[in-house]
Amino acid sequence: MALADLIVDACAARPHPLVAVRHEGSWGSACKPQRFTCDDGALYSVKFIQNRHGDGRGAFNEQVVALCGELIGAPVPPVRLIEVPAALTDVMNRNPAAYLLDFAPQPGIHHGSKWMDDCSDRAGVEHVDENRQRLGSLEVLYTWLICRSDHQLIYSNKTPREVYSVDHTTFLPGEFNWNAASLLPEYAIVVPDASFQGKGLTDADRGPALDRLRRVTEGEVAVVVSRPPDEWGYRLLTGSRSPSTSWLGATVCSTTTSRPPPRWLPTHTHFFSTYPTPSGTSASTSGC
């Protein structure tokens, strides 16, 4: 089945969002995330698509990067689509200062990341020996989807100090302001993420994630890129595709701007064959 058909099927099978039932707290960081208990009984950090990071692009990045992380076994909190009803947003809008807001949240479907209890504040690459394969998989993820700023790792406060990657708004070239001009030139560029260099990570640490990346199917890709809903201002184009566009994703077109449709993500096979290793050989011949 062609990728376009897989995407159509994946859009039709998009999971129903969870429903926020109770507000549990607010944070004053850039996206002004809010914590909600949802109808599955779990806590989620929810970023509203109205936040000032990217006119929907930030939420798109958050969902897609985390789902790609799941594909390769990287330690990212599970993400879900969260429906926040008007009964909750109305209360927030009556007193935005109490919720640390600088925008007016609207009812609808938003990005949610499962809340990780008893973890540190954001940190750098630490506790390497307790997290070798976890950090190795994050190096692959951060290199594959390109994060050039605002790396956010947190660690369990209990032993072992397991690492998680959170807050993926600033991934992709152009971050939450990406467009075709920022994305397309990056296709053939694979540069290991500098934040993970000099930390003693080895080919063996990256190997499991690279191996899983090599086995990713187009059906799995279709599920990932179809997850952001239409309400976020994007539609998946499933018509003719340029034969030169050998990408791991659908063509995503912003319906809120006149920008041309960006094509992203680089193919996993291209990435795997060009990922530099410390020995200077390609990952496909390094035994990873």
C-alpha atoms as a PDB file:
ATOM      1  CA  MET A   1       0.000   0.000   0.000  1.00  0.00           C
ATOM      2  CA  ALA A   2       1.293   3.452  -0.903  1.00  0.00           C
ATOM      3  CA  LEU A   3       2.296   5.814   1.889  1.00  0.00           C
ATOM      4  CA  ALA A   4      -0.479   8.223   0.903  1.00  0.00           C
ATOM      5  CA  ASP A   5      -3.076   5.479   1.382  1.00  0.00           C
ATOM      6  CA  LEU A   6      -1.534   4.477   4.696  1.00  0.00           C
ATOM      7  CA  ILE A   7      -1.828   8.078   5.863  1.00  0.00           C
ATOM      8  CA  VAL A   8      -5.495   8.237   4.868  1.00  0.00           C
ATOM      9  CA  ASP A   9      -6.171   5.049   6.826  1.00  0.00           C
ATOM     10  CA  ALA A  10      -4.188   6.327   9.826  1.00  0.00           C
ATOM     11  CA  CYS A  11      -6.136   9.591   9.890  1.00  0.00           C
ATOM     12  CA  ALA A  12      -9.386   7.629   9.929  1.00  0.00           C
ATOM     13  CA  ALA A  13      -8.097   5.521  12.832  1.00  0.00           C
ATOM     14  CA  ARG A  14      -6.712   8.426  14.856  1.00  0.00           C
ATOM     15  CA  PRO A  15      -7.331   7.628  18.545  1.00  0.00           C
ATOM     16  CA  HIS A  16     -10.055   9.466  20.403  1.00  0.00           C
ATOM     17  CA  PRO A  17      -8.646  12.166  22.684  1.00  0.00           C
ATOM     18  CA  LEU A  18      -8.688  11.852  26.407  1.00  0.00           C
ATOM     19  CA  VAL A  19     -10.904  14.359  28.197  1.00  0.00           C
ATOM     20  CA  ALA A  20      -9.557  16.675  30.887  1.00  0.00           C
ATOM     21  CA  VAL A  21     -11.746  16.497  33.991  1.00  0.00           C
ATOM     22  CA  ARG A  22      -9.902  18.507  36.663  1.00  0.00           C
ATOM     23  CA  HIS A  23      -7.265  21.244  36.673  1.00  0.00           C
ATOM     24  CA  GLU A  24      -4.280  20.401  38.880  1.00  0.00           C
ATOM     25  CA  GLY A  25      -1.748  23.214  38.469  1.00  0.00           C
ATOM     26  CA  SER A  26      -0.038  25.763  36.219  1.00  0.00           C
ATOM     27  CA  TRP A  27       3.529  26.512  35.173  1.00  0.00           C
ATOM     28  CA  GLY A  28       4.992  29.797  34.053  1.00  0.00           C
ATOM     29  CA  SER A  29       7.399  28.440  31.422  1.00  0.00           C
ATOM     30  CA  ALA A  30       7.196  29.684  27.851  1.00  0.00           C
ATOM     31  CA  CYS A  31       4.237  27.594  26.671  1.00  0.00           C
ATOM     32  CA  LYS A  32       2.337  28.082  29.960  1.00  0.00           C
ATOM     33  CA  PRO A  33       1.516  24.362  30.369  1.00  0.00           C
ATOM     34  CA  GLN A  34      -1.370  23.324  32.578  1.00  0.00           C
ATOM     35  CA  ARG A  35      -1.680  20.041  34.447  1.00  0.00           C
ATOM     36  CA  PHE A  36      -4.960  18.132  34.234  1.00  0.00           C
ATOM     37  CA  THR A  37      -6.328  14.864  35.489  1.00  0.00           C
ATOM     38  CA  CYS A  38      -7.979  13.193  32.518  1.00  0.00           C
ATOM     39  CA  ASP A  39     -10.706  10.597  32.175  1.00  0.00           C
ATOM     40  CA  ASP A  40      -8.166   7.765  32.200  1.00  0.00           C
ATOM     41  CA  GLY A  41      -7.259   8.755  35.774  1.00  0.00           C
ATOM     42  CA  ALA A  42      -3.733   9.922  34.859  1.00  0.00           C
ATOM     43  CA  LEU A  43      -2.110  13.340  35.074  1.00  0.00           C
ATOM     44  CA  TYR A  44      -0.987  15.148  31.937  1.00  0.00           C
ATOM     45  CA  SER A  45       0.938  18.310  31.212  1.00  0.00           C
ATOM     46  CA  VAL A  46      -1.185  20.025  28.568  1.00  0.00           C
ATOM     47  CA  LYS A  47       0.012  22.666  26.134  1.00  0.00           C
ATOM     48  CA  PHE A  48      -2.763  24.615  24.466  1.00  0.00           C
ATOM     49  CA  ILE A  49      -2.410  25.179  20.749  1.00  0.00           C
ATOM     50  CA  GLN A  50      -3.132  28.872  21.357  1.00  0.00           C
ATOM     51  CA  ASN A  51       0.168  29.310  23.221  1.00  0.00           C
ATOM     52  CA  ARG A  52       2.602  31.715  21.626  1.00  0.00           C
ATOM     53  CA  HIS A  53       4.979  29.085  20.276  1.00  0.00           C
ATOM     54  CA  GLY A  54       4.284  28.502  16.637  1.00  0.00           C
ATOM     55  CA  ASP A  55       0.628  28.914  15.687  1.00  0.00           C
ATOM     56  CA  GLY A  56       0.120  25.174  16.137  1.00  0.00           C
ATOM     57  CA  ARG A  57       3.600  24.177  14.984  1.00  0.00           C
ATOM     58  CA  GLY A  58       4.880  23.816  18.526  1.00  0.00           C
ATOM     59  CA  ALA A  59       2.153  21.310  19.382  1.00  0.00           C
ATOM     60  CA  PHE A  60       2.807  19.498  16.103  1.00  0.00           C
ATOM     61  CA  ASN A  61       6.484  19.175  17.034  1.00  0.00           C
ATOM     62  CA  GLU A  62       5.620  17.928  20.513  1.00  0.00           C
ATOM     63  CA  GLN A  63       3.374  15.126  19.281  1.00  0.00           C
ATOM     64  CA  VAL A  64       5.495  13.980  16.327  1.00  0.00           C
ATOM     65  CA  VAL A  65       8.862  14.026  18.103  1.00  0.00           C
ATOM     66  CA  ALA A  66       7.555  12.079  21.098  1.00  0.00           C
ATOM     67  CA  LEU A  67       5.883   9.484  18.867  1.00  0.00           C
ATOM     68  CA  CYS A  68       9.085   9.113  16.850  1.00  0.00           C
ATOM     69  CA  GLY A  69      10.901   8.647  20.148  1.00  0.00           C
ATOM     70  CA  GLU A  70       8.544   5.808  21.014  1.00  0.00           C
ATOM     71  CA  LEU A  71       9.303   4.147  17.673  1.00  0.00           C
ATOM     72  CA  ILE A  72      13.003   3.905  18.467  1.00  0.00           C
ATOM     73  CA  GLY A  73      12.632   3.152  22.178  1.00  0.00           C
ATOM     74  CA  ALA A  74      13.756   6.564  23.426  1.00  0.00           C
ATOM     75  CA  PRO A  75      12.649   7.541  26.963  1.00  0.00           C
ATOM     76  CA  VAL A  76       9.946  10.126  26.298  1.00  0.00           C
ATOM     77  CA  PRO A  77       6.755  10.408  28.372  1.00  0.00           C
ATOM     78  CA  PRO A  78       3.707   9.028  26.539  1.00  0.00           C
ATOM     79  CA  VAL A  79       1.814  11.694  24.607  1.00  0.00           C
ATOM     80  CA  ARG A  80      -1.902  11.899  23.942  1.00  0.00           C
ATOM     81  CA  LEU A  81      -4.399  14.261  22.427  1.00  0.00           C
ATOM     82  CA  ILE A  82      -6.306  15.939  25.242  1.00  0.00           C
ATOM     83  CA  GLU A  83      -9.742  17.504  24.862  1.00  0.00           C
ATOM     84  CA  VAL A  84     -10.216  20.358  27.299  1.00  0.00           C
ATOM     85  CA  PRO A  85     -13.910  21.261  27.655  1.00  0.00           C
ATOM     86  CA  ALA A  86     -15.317  24.775  27.848  1.00  0.00           C
ATOM     87  CA  ALA A  87     -16.244  24.307  31.490  1.00  0.00           C
ATOM     88  CA  LEU A  88     -12.518  24.296  32.322  1.00  0.00           C
ATOM     89  CA  THR A  89     -11.286  26.952  29.885  1.00  0.00           C
ATOM     90  CA  ASP A  90     -14.043  29.360  30.932  1.00  0.00           C
ATOM     91  CA  VAL A  91     -12.778  29.264  34.501  1.00  0.00           C
ATOM     92  CA  MET A  92      -9.202  29.833  33.360  1.00  0.00           C
ATOM     93  CA  ASN A  93     -10.146  32.785  31.163  1.00  0.00           C
ATOM     94  CA  ARG A  94     -11.976  34.521  33.969  1.00  0.00           C
ATOM     95  CA  ASN A  95      -8.713  34.862  35.901  1.00  0.00           C
ATOM     96  CA  PRO A  96      -5.757  34.263  33.544  1.00  0.00           C
ATOM     97  CA  ALA A  97      -3.174  35.588  36.011  1.00  0.00           C
ATOM     98  CA  ALA A  98      -4.050  32.834  38.458  1.00  0.00           C
ATOM     99  CA  TYR A  99      -3.145  30.315  35.764  1.00  0.00           C
ATOM    100  CA  LEU A 100       0.032  32.173  34.664  1.00  0.00           C
ATOM    101  CA  LEU A 101      -1.445  32.644  31.196  1.00  0.00           C
ATOM    102  CA  ASP A 102      -0.457  35.124  28.505  1.00  0.00           C
ATOM    103  CA  PHE A 103      -3.014  33.868  25.969  1.00  0.00           C
ATOM    104  CA  ALA A 104      -6.685  32.888  26.040  1.00  0.00           C
ATOM    105  CA  PRO A 105      -7.001  29.073  26.078  1.00  0.00           C
ATOM    106  CA  GLN A 106      -9.862  27.730  23.992  1.00  0.00           C
ATOM    107  CA  PRO A 107     -11.830  24.507  24.394  1.00  0.00           C
ATOM    108  CA  GLY A 108     -10.785  21.782  22.001  1.00  0.00           C
ATOM    109  CA  ILE A 109      -8.026  19.270  21.378  1.00  0.00           C
ATOM    110  CA  HIS A 110      -4.542  20.046  22.671  1.00  0.00           C
ATOM    111  CA  HIS A 111      -1.175  18.362  23.230  1.00  0.00           C
ATOM    112  CA  GLY A 112      -0.742  16.297  26.375  1.00  0.00           C
ATOM    113  CA  SER A 113       2.329  14.612  27.835  1.00  0.00           C
ATOM    114  CA  LYS A 114       1.958  12.196  30.739  1.00  0.00           C
ATOM    115  CA  TRP A 115       3.185  13.724  33.978  1.00  0.00           C
ATOM    116  CA  MET A 116       6.330  12.078  35.328  1.00  0.00           C
ATOM    117  CA  ASP A 117       6.224  12.042  39.128  1.00  0.00           C
ATOM    118  CA  ASP A 118       9.213  12.625  41.392  1.00  0.00           C
ATOM    119  CA  CYS A 119      11.645  13.879  38.767  1.00  0.00           C
ATOM    120  CA  SER A 120      14.280  16.594  38.757  1.00  0.00           C
ATOM    121  CA  ASP A 121      14.120  19.986  37.161  1.00  0.00           C
ATOM    122  CA  ARG A 122      15.564  20.232  33.657  1.00  0.00           C
ATOM    123  CA  ALA A 123      19.206  19.258  33.400  1.00  0.00           C
ATOM    124  CA  GLY A 124      21.896  18.326  30.918  1.00  0.00           C
ATOM    125  CA  VAL A 125      23.430  14.966  30.031  1.00  0.00           C
ATOM    126  CA  GLU A 126      24.127  13.447  33.457  1.00  0.00           C
ATOM    127  CA  HIS A 127      24.104  10.062  35.233  1.00  0.00           C
ATOM    128  CA  VAL A 128      25.566   8.483  32.107  1.00  0.00           C
ATOM    129  CA  ASP A 129      26.414   5.061  33.527  1.00  0.00           C
ATOM    130  CA  GLU A 130      22.824   4.614  34.748  1.00  0.00           C
ATOM    131  CA  ASN A 131      21.399   5.632  31.369  1.00  0.00           C
ATOM    132  CA  ARG A 132      23.723   4.470  28.619  1.00  0.00           C
ATOM    133  CA  GLN A 133      21.175   3.077  26.188  1.00  0.00           C
ATOM    134  CA  ARG A 134      18.542   5.627  27.226  1.00  0.00           C
ATOM    135  CA  LEU A 135      20.926   8.497  26.475  1.00  0.00           C
ATOM    136  CA  GLY A 136      22.171   6.733  23.355  1.00  0.00           C
ATOM    137  CA  SER A 137      18.617   6.569  22.031  1.00  0.00           C
ATOM    138  CA  LEU A 138      18.094  10.247  22.862  1.00  0.00           C
ATOM    139  CA  GLU A 139      21.244  11.159  20.968  1.00  0.00           C
ATOM    140  CA  VAL A 140      19.754   9.376  17.945  1.00  0.00           C
ATOM    141  CA  LEU A 141      16.395  11.135  18.396  1.00  0.00           C
ATOM    142  CA  TYR A 142      17.912  14.599  18.870  1.00  0.00           C
ATOM    143  CA  THR A 143      20.159  14.139  15.845  1.00  0.00           C
ATOM    144  CA  TRP A 144      17.447  12.639  13.642  1.00  0.00           C
ATOM    145  CA  LEU A 145      14.833  15.334  14.289  1.00  0.00           C
ATOM    146  CA  ILE A 146      17.319  18.142  14.950  1.00  0.00           C
ATOM    147  CA  CYS A 147      17.206  20.011  18.234  1.00  0.00           C
ATOM    148  CA  ARG A 148      19.593  22.952  18.251  1.00  0.00           C
ATOM    149  CA  SER A 149      18.443  24.684  21.416  1.00  0.00           C
ATOM    150  CA  ASP A 150      16.551  24.276  24.668  1.00  0.00           C
ATOM    151  CA  HIS A 151      17.403  20.635  25.336  1.00  0.00           C
ATOM    152  CA  GLN A 152      15.301  19.475  28.269  1.00  0.00           C
ATOM    153  CA  LEU A 153      16.219  16.294  30.111  1.00  0.00           C
ATOM    154  CA  ILE A 154      14.823  15.337  33.501  1.00  0.00           C
ATOM    155  CA  TYR A 155      15.871  12.514  35.823  1.00  0.00           C
ATOM    156  CA  SER A 156      14.084  10.352  38.335  1.00  0.00           C
ATOM    157  CA  ASN A 157      14.862  11.456  41.870  1.00  0.00           C
ATOM    158  CA  LYS A 158      15.100   7.807  42.864  1.00  0.00           C
ATOM    159  CA  THR A 159      17.851   5.325  42.076  1.00  0.00           C
ATOM    160  CA  PRO A 160      18.422   4.515  39.283  1.00  0.00           C
ATOM    161  CA  ARG A 161      18.343   8.132  38.054  1.00  0.00           C
ATOM    162  CA  GLU A 162      16.527   7.316  34.823  1.00  0.00           C
ATOM    163  CA  VAL A 163      16.472  10.041  32.173  1.00  0.00           C
ATOM    164  CA  TYR A 164      13.468  11.302  30.210  1.00  0.00           C
ATOM    165  CA  SER A 165      13.307  13.823  27.379  1.00  0.00           C
ATOM    166  CA  VAL A 166      10.520  16.404  27.684  1.00  0.00           C
ATOM    167  CA  ASP A 167       9.346  19.583  25.944  1.00  0.00           C
ATOM    168  CA  HIS A 168      10.046  19.067  22.245  1.00  0.00           C
ATOM    169  CA  THR A 169       8.660  22.349  20.910  1.00  0.00           C
ATOM    170  CA  THR A 170      12.050  23.501  19.612  1.00  0.00           C
ATOM    171  CA  PHE A 171      12.798  20.455  17.451  1.00  0.00           C
ATOM    172  CA  LEU A 172      13.001  20.608  13.632  1.00  0.00           C
ATOM    173  CA  PRO A 173      14.917  23.268  11.685  1.00  0.00           C
ATOM    174  CA  GLY A 174      13.220  26.568  12.375  1.00  0.00           C
ATOM    175  CA  GLU A 175      11.823  25.186  15.624  1.00  0.00           C
ATOM    176  CA  PHE A 176       8.200  26.272  16.185  1.00  0.00           C
ATOM    177  CA  ASN A 177       8.459  28.674  13.237  1.00  0.00           C
ATOM    178  CA  TRP A 178       9.421  25.995  10.718  1.00  0.00           C
ATOM    179  CA  ASN A 179       8.415  26.289   7.099  1.00  0.00           C
ATOM    180  CA  ALA A 180       9.512  24.801   3.793  1.00  0.00           C
ATOM    181  CA  ALA A 181      12.524  27.106   3.577  1.00  0.00           C
ATOM    182  CA  SER A 182      13.851  25.921   6.946  1.00  0.00           C
ATOM    183  CA  LEU A 183      13.075  22.220   6.511  1.00  0.00           C
ATOM    184  CA  LEU A 184      14.004  21.252   2.983  1.00  0.00           C
ATOM    185  CA  PRO A 185      17.737  22.149   3.031  1.00  0.00           C
ATOM    186  CA  GLU A 186      18.290  19.943   6.082  1.00  0.00           C
ATOM    187  CA  TYR A 187      17.318  16.671   4.421  1.00  0.00           C
ATOM    188  CA  ALA A 188      20.824  15.436   3.629  1.00  0.00           C
ATOM    189  CA  ILE A 189      22.509  16.789   6.762  1.00  0.00           C
ATOM    190  CA  VAL A 190      23.217  14.396   9.631  1.00  0.00           C
ATOM    191  CA  VAL A 191      25.293  15.995  12.388  1.00  0.00           C
ATOM    192  CA  PRO A 192      25.394  14.331  15.830  1.00  0.00           C
ATOM    193  CA  ASP A 193      23.821  16.488  18.517  1.00  0.00           C
ATOM    194  CA  ALA A 194      26.603  18.402  20.243  1.00  0.00           C
ATOM    195  CA  SER A 195      25.050  18.117  23.708  1.00  0.00           C
ATOM    196  CA  PHE A 196      25.749  14.382  23.753  1.00  0.00           C
ATOM    197  CA  GLN A 197      29.350  14.616  22.555  1.00  0.00           C
ATOM    198  CA  GLY A 198      32.202  14.043  25.002  1.00  0.00           C
ATOM    199  CA  LYS A 199      29.942  12.178  27.455  1.00  0.00           C
ATOM    200  CA  GLY A 200      31.426   8.745  26.843  1.00  0.00           C
ATOM    201  CA  LEU A 201      28.497   7.323  24.872  1.00  0.00           C
ATOM    202  CA  THR A 202      29.488   4.507  22.530  1.00  0.00           C
ATOM    203  CA  ASP A 203      28.246   2.769  19.383  1.00  0.00           C
ATOM    204  CA  ALA A 204      26.803   0.063  21.636  1.00  0.00           C
ATOM    205  CA  ASP A 205      24.787   2.679  23.540  1.00  0.00           C
ATOM    206  CA  ARG A 206      23.253   4.022  20.316  1.00  0.00           C
ATOM    207  CA  GLY A 207      22.946   0.645  18.624  1.00  0.00           C
ATOM    208  CA  PRO A 208      19.483  -0.505  19.829  1.00  0.00           C
ATOM    209  CA  ALA A 209      17.840   2.794  18.809  1.00  0.00           C
ATOM    210  CA  LEU A 210      19.552   2.791  15.417  1.00  0.00           C
ATOM    211  CA  ASP A 211      18.483  -0.804  14.863  1.00  0.00           C
ATOM    212  CA  ARG A 212      14.870   0.027  15.698  1.00  0.00           C
ATOM    213  CA  LEU A 213      15.065   3.060  13.429  1.00  0.00           C
ATOM    214  CA  ARG A 214      16.144   0.804  10.575  1.00  0.00           C
ATOM    215  CA  ARG A 215      13.072  -1.399  11.125  1.00  0.00           C
ATOM    216  CA  VAL A 216      10.507   1.410  11.210  1.00  0.00           C
ATOM    217  CA  THR A 217       7.760   0.745   8.662  1.00  0.00           C
ATOM    218  CA  GLU A 218       5.839   3.169   6.490  1.00  0.00           C
ATOM    219  CA  GLY A 219       2.686   2.142   8.344  1.00  0.00           C
ATOM    220  CA  GLU A 220       4.236   3.284  11.618  1.00  0.00           C
ATOM    221  CA  VAL A 221       5.334   6.512   9.987  1.00  0.00           C
ATOM    222  CA  ALA A 222       1.809   7.126   8.733  1.00  0.00           C
ATOM    223  CA  VAL A 223       0.441   6.744  12.268  1.00  0.00           C
ATOM    224  CA  VAL A 224       2.962   9.268  13.616  1.00  0.00           C
ATOM    225  CA  VAL A 225       2.433  12.013  11.062  1.00  0.00           C
ATOM    226  CA  SER A 226      -1.350  11.613  11.073  1.00  0.00           C
ATOM    227  CA  ARG A 227      -1.690  12.101  14.834  1.00  0.00           C
ATOM    228  CA  PRO A 228      -1.875  15.952  14.947  1.00  0.00           C
ATOM    229  CA  PRO A 229      -5.565  16.723  14.326  1.00  0.00           C
ATOM    230  CA  ASP A 230      -7.024  19.026  11.716  1.00  0.00           C
ATOM    231  CA  GLU A 231      -7.967  21.490  14.450  1.00  0.00           C
ATOM    232  CA  TRP A 232      -4.284  22.377  14.834  1.00  0.00           C
ATOM    233  CA  GLY A 233      -4.290  24.069  11.424  1.00  0.00           C
ATOM    234  CA  TYR A 234      -2.592  21.361   9.358  1.00  0.00           C
ATOM    235  CA  ARG A 235      -3.820  18.923   6.792  1.00  0.00           C
ATOM    236  CA  LEU A 236      -1.978  15.966   5.368  1.00  0.00           C
ATOM    237  CA  LEU A 237      -1.570  16.107   1.618  1.00  0.00           C
ATOM    238  CA  THR A 238      -1.995  12.687   0.061  1.00  0.00           C
ATOM    239  CA  GLY A 239      -1.833  13.595  -3.608  1.00  0.00           C
ATOM    240  CA  SER A 240       1.109  13.313  -5.988  1.00  0.00           C
ATOM    241  CA  ARG A 241       4.544  13.425  -4.396  1.00  0.00           C
ATOM    242  CA  SER A 242       7.819  14.517  -5.889  1.00  0.00           C
ATOM    243  CA  PRO A 243       9.989  11.477  -6.746  1.00  0.00           C
ATOM    244  CA  SER A 244      12.938  13.322  -5.241  1.00  0.00           C
ATOM    245  CA  THR A 245      11.158  13.575  -1.899  1.00  0.00           C
ATOM    246  CA  SER A 246      12.478  10.484  -0.159  1.00  0.00           C
ATOM    247  CA  TRP A 247      11.149  11.331   3.278  1.00  0.00           C
ATOM    248  CA  LEU A 248       9.981   9.511   6.351  1.00  0.00           C
ATOM    249  CA  GLY A 249       6.779  11.480   6.587  1.00  0.00           C
ATOM    250  CA  ALA A 250       3.775  12.927   4.922  1.00  0.00           C
ATOM    251  CA  THR A 251       3.696  16.311   3.333  1.00  0.00           C
ATOM    252  CA  VAL A 252       2.251  18.646   5.914  1.00  0.00           C
ATOM    253  CA  CYS A 253       0.573  21.830   4.777  1.00  0.00           C
ATOM    254  CA  SER A 254      -0.330  24.728   6.996  1.00  0.00           C
ATOM    255  CA  THR A 255      -3.898  25.843   6.398  1.00  0.00           C
ATOM    256  CA  THR A 256      -3.368  28.942   8.509  1.00  0.00           C
ATOM    257  CA  THR A 257      -0.667  30.506   6.353  1.00  0.00           C
ATOM    258  CA  SER A 258       0.195  30.808   2.669  1.00  0.00           C
ATOM    259  CA  ARG A 259       3.556  29.086   3.085  1.00  0.00           C
ATOM    260  CA  PRO A 260       4.337  26.198   0.752  1.00  0.00           C
ATOM    261  CA  PRO A 261       3.942  22.717   2.193  1.00  0.00           C
ATOM    262  CA  PRO A 262       7.050  21.615   4.084  1.00  0.00           C
ATOM    263  CA  ARG A 263       8.255  18.063   3.573  1.00  0.00           C
ATOM    264  CA  TRP A 264       9.736  16.406   6.619  1.00  0.00           C
ATOM    265  CA  LEU A 265      11.108  13.950   8.128  1.00  0.00           C
ATOM    266  CA  PRO A 266      14.327  12.540   6.605  1.00  0.00           C
ATOM    267  CA  THR A 267      14.091   8.864   5.743  1.00  0.00           C
ATOM    268  CA  HIS A 268      15.211   6.577   8.497  1.00  0.00           C
ATOM    269  CA  THR A 269      17.265   4.545   6.002  1.00  0.00           C
ATOM    270  CA  HIS A 270      19.107   7.666   4.888  1.00  0.00           C
ATOM    271  CA  PHE A 271      19.755   8.646   8.478  1.00  0.00           C
ATOM    272  CA  PHE A 272      20.933   5.192   9.472  1.00  0.00           C
ATOM    273  CA  SER A 273      23.413   4.934   6.631  1.00  0.00           C
ATOM    274  CA  THR A 274      24.933   8.360   7.222  1.00  0.00           C
ATOM    275  CA  TYR A 275      24.981   8.651  11.015  1.00  0.00           C
ATOM    276  CA  PRO A 276      28.621   9.354  11.925  1.00  0.00           C
ATOM    277  CA  THR A 277      30.211   7.196  14.597  1.00  0.00           C
ATOM    278  CA  PRO A 278      33.330   7.961  16.651  1.00  0.00           C
ATOM    279  CA  SER A 279      35.362   5.690  14.392  1.00  0.00           C
ATOM    280  CA  GLY A 280      34.295   7.662  11.344  1.00  0.00           C
ATOM    281  CA  THR A 281      32.451   4.756   9.735  1.00  0.00           C
ATOM    282  CA  SER A 282      28.769   4.738   8.934  1.00  0.00           C
ATOM    283  CA  ALA A 283      26.345   3.347  11.466  1.00  0.00           C
ATOM    284  CA  SER A 284      25.273   0.636   9.029  1.00  0.00           C
ATOM    285  CA  THR A 285      28.766  -0.858   9.047  1.00  0.00           C
ATOM    286  CA  SER A 286      29.688  -0.241  12.659  1.00  0.00           C
ATOM    287  CA  GLY A 287      27.923  -3.266  14.113  1.00  0.00           C
ATOM    288  CA  CYS A 288      25.216  -1.157  15.770  1.00  0.00           C
END
